[in-house]
């Protein structure tokens, strides 16, 4: 995670950043109490490691104006695997029509029919 040049927690794993934050709060007189708490936490079922949730930039838009067109276009696509078509219909077209090769090069289209350009 990148917080900015000079930030003491920049590019640190959460466990290391936790200690830095507690030290900074104590140093600045803002730490009210420090206590270790044992609690359940989501773990990956395969690796049994904790799942870390990160805040990421995101955006949302309404597809209502093009919803019917999207539903029709689902049937015009050659699906690999074939069950993808059924999944899209059952999801109610709550899909993203964007591809990010990296965050600076976004490609978005207005319909599934034009998604082949991605």
Protein backbone atom coordinates (compact mmCIF):
# COMPACT_ATOMS: atom_id res chain seq x y z
CA UNK A 1 0.00 0.00 0.00
CA UNK A 2 1.33 3.45 -0.86
CA UNK A 3 0.33 6.28 1.44
CA UNK A 4 2.75 8.87 0.18
CA UNK A 5 6.38 9.83 0.38
CA UNK A 6 7.55 10.25 3.93
CA UNK A 7 4.63 8.42 5.55
CA UNK A 8 6.09 6.02 8.13
CA UNK A 9 3.56 3.32 7.20
CA UNK A 10 4.12 3.57 3.44
CA UNK A 11 4.67 0.15 1.85
CA UNK A 12 4.45 -1.70 5.20
CA UNK A 13 2.58 -4.93 5.88
CA UNK A 14 -0.37 -4.36 8.22
CA UNK A 15 1.26 -6.07 11.22
CA UNK A 16 4.31 -3.82 10.97
CA UNK A 17 2.17 -0.74 10.32
CA UNK A 18 0.06 -1.46 13.42
CA UNK A 19 3.12 -1.15 15.65
CA UNK A 20 4.18 2.09 13.94
CA UNK A 21 0.70 3.62 14.37
CA UNK A 22 0.58 2.70 18.07
CA UNK A 23 4.06 4.16 18.61
CA UNK A 24 3.11 7.40 16.82
CA UNK A 25 -0.12 7.74 18.81
CA UNK A 26 1.74 7.17 22.09
CA UNK A 27 4.52 9.60 21.11
CA UNK A 28 2.01 12.33 20.25
CA UNK A 29 -0.06 11.78 23.43
CA UNK A 30 -3.12 10.55 21.51
CA UNK A 31 -3.08 6.91 22.57
CA UNK A 32 -5.86 6.34 25.08
CA UNK A 33 -5.33 2.62 25.61
CA UNK A 34 -3.53 -0.28 23.97
CA UNK A 35 -4.85 -3.78 24.44
CA UNK A 36 -4.52 -7.04 22.53
CA UNK A 37 -7.90 -8.53 21.70
CA UNK A 38 -8.43 -12.10 20.55
CA UNK A 39 -11.27 -12.31 18.06
CA UNK A 40 -12.35 -14.38 15.11
CA UNK A 41 -11.19 -13.19 11.73
CA UNK A 42 -11.92 -14.45 8.21
CA UNK A 43 -9.31 -16.88 6.93
CA UNK A 44 -8.70 -18.26 3.45
CA UNK A 45 -10.03 -21.82 3.36
CA UNK A 46 -7.05 -23.05 1.33
CA UNK A 47 -4.07 -21.32 2.91
CA UNK A 48 -5.64 -20.73 6.34
CA UNK A 49 -4.06 -17.27 6.32
CA UNK A 50 -6.04 -14.18 7.41
CA UNK A 51 -7.95 -12.37 4.70
CA UNK A 52 -6.89 -8.73 4.57
CA UNK A 53 -9.47 -6.28 3.28
CA UNK A 54 -8.03 -3.19 1.61
CA UNK A 55 -9.80 -0.02 0.66
CA UNK A 56 -9.43 0.53 -3.07
CA UNK A 57 -10.60 3.33 -5.34
CA UNK A 58 -13.88 2.37 -6.97
CA UNK A 59 -16.83 3.84 -8.77
CA UNK A 60 -20.37 2.77 -9.61
CA UNK A 61 -22.78 3.69 -12.34
CA UNK A 62 -26.39 2.87 -13.14
CA UNK A 63 -27.02 0.51 -16.04
CA UNK A 64 -30.78 1.12 -16.02
CA UNK A 65 -30.71 3.18 -19.24
CA UNK A 66 -29.04 0.28 -21.14
CA UNK A 67 -30.27 -2.70 -19.09
CA UNK A 68 -32.60 -4.18 -21.72
CA UNK A 69 -29.95 -3.88 -24.43
CA UNK A 70 -27.43 -5.61 -22.17
CA UNK A 71 -29.82 -8.48 -21.49
CA UNK A 72 -30.36 -8.96 -25.24
CA UNK A 73 -26.63 -8.80 -25.99
CA UNK A 74 -25.88 -11.62 -23.54
CA UNK A 75 -27.33 -14.07 -26.06
CA UNK A 76 -25.18 -12.70 -28.90
CA UNK A 77 -21.88 -13.61 -27.25
CA UNK A 78 -20.06 -16.92 -27.75
CA UNK A 79 -19.50 -17.97 -24.15
CA UNK A 80 -16.47 -19.93 -22.95
CA UNK A 81 -17.42 -21.80 -20.82
CA UNK A 82 -21.01 -22.13 -22.00
CA UNK A 83 -22.48 -21.77 -18.51
CA UNK A 84 -21.25 -18.14 -18.49
CA UNK A 85 -24.35 -17.09 -20.41
CA UNK A 86 -26.72 -18.54 -17.81
CA UNK A 87 -24.69 -16.97 -15.02
CA UNK A 88 -24.90 -13.52 -16.62
CA UNK A 89 -28.66 -13.80 -17.10
CA UNK A 90 -29.14 -14.94 -13.51
CA UNK A 91 -26.93 -12.14 -12.19
CA UNK A 92 -29.24 -9.64 -13.83
CA UNK A 93 -26.48 -7.93 -15.79
CA UNK A 94 -24.63 -6.70 -12.75
CA UNK A 95 -21.32 -6.98 -14.52
CA UNK A 96 -18.49 -4.61 -15.24
CA UNK A 97 -17.80 -3.83 -18.84
CA UNK A 98 -14.32 -2.50 -18.20
CA UNK A 99 -10.85 -3.87 -18.58
CA UNK A 100 -7.82 -2.55 -16.79
CA UNK A 101 -4.43 -3.57 -18.11
CA UNK A 102 -3.18 -1.17 -15.50
CA UNK A 103 -4.89 1.62 -13.59
CA UNK A 104 -3.68 4.30 -16.03
CA UNK A 105 -5.06 2.57 -19.13
CA UNK A 106 -8.79 2.10 -18.68
CA UNK A 107 -10.99 0.76 -21.43
CA UNK A 108 -14.74 0.83 -20.99
CA UNK A 109 -17.57 0.29 -23.44
CA UNK A 110 -21.27 1.05 -23.41
CA UNK A 111 -22.59 -2.43 -24.19
CA UNK A 112 -21.63 -6.07 -24.14
CA UNK A 113 -21.81 -6.05 -27.93
CA UNK A 114 -18.88 -3.66 -27.98
CA UNK A 115 -16.97 -5.56 -25.29
CA UNK A 116 -15.02 -7.44 -27.96
CA UNK A 117 -12.83 -4.31 -28.31
CA UNK A 118 -11.50 -4.95 -24.83
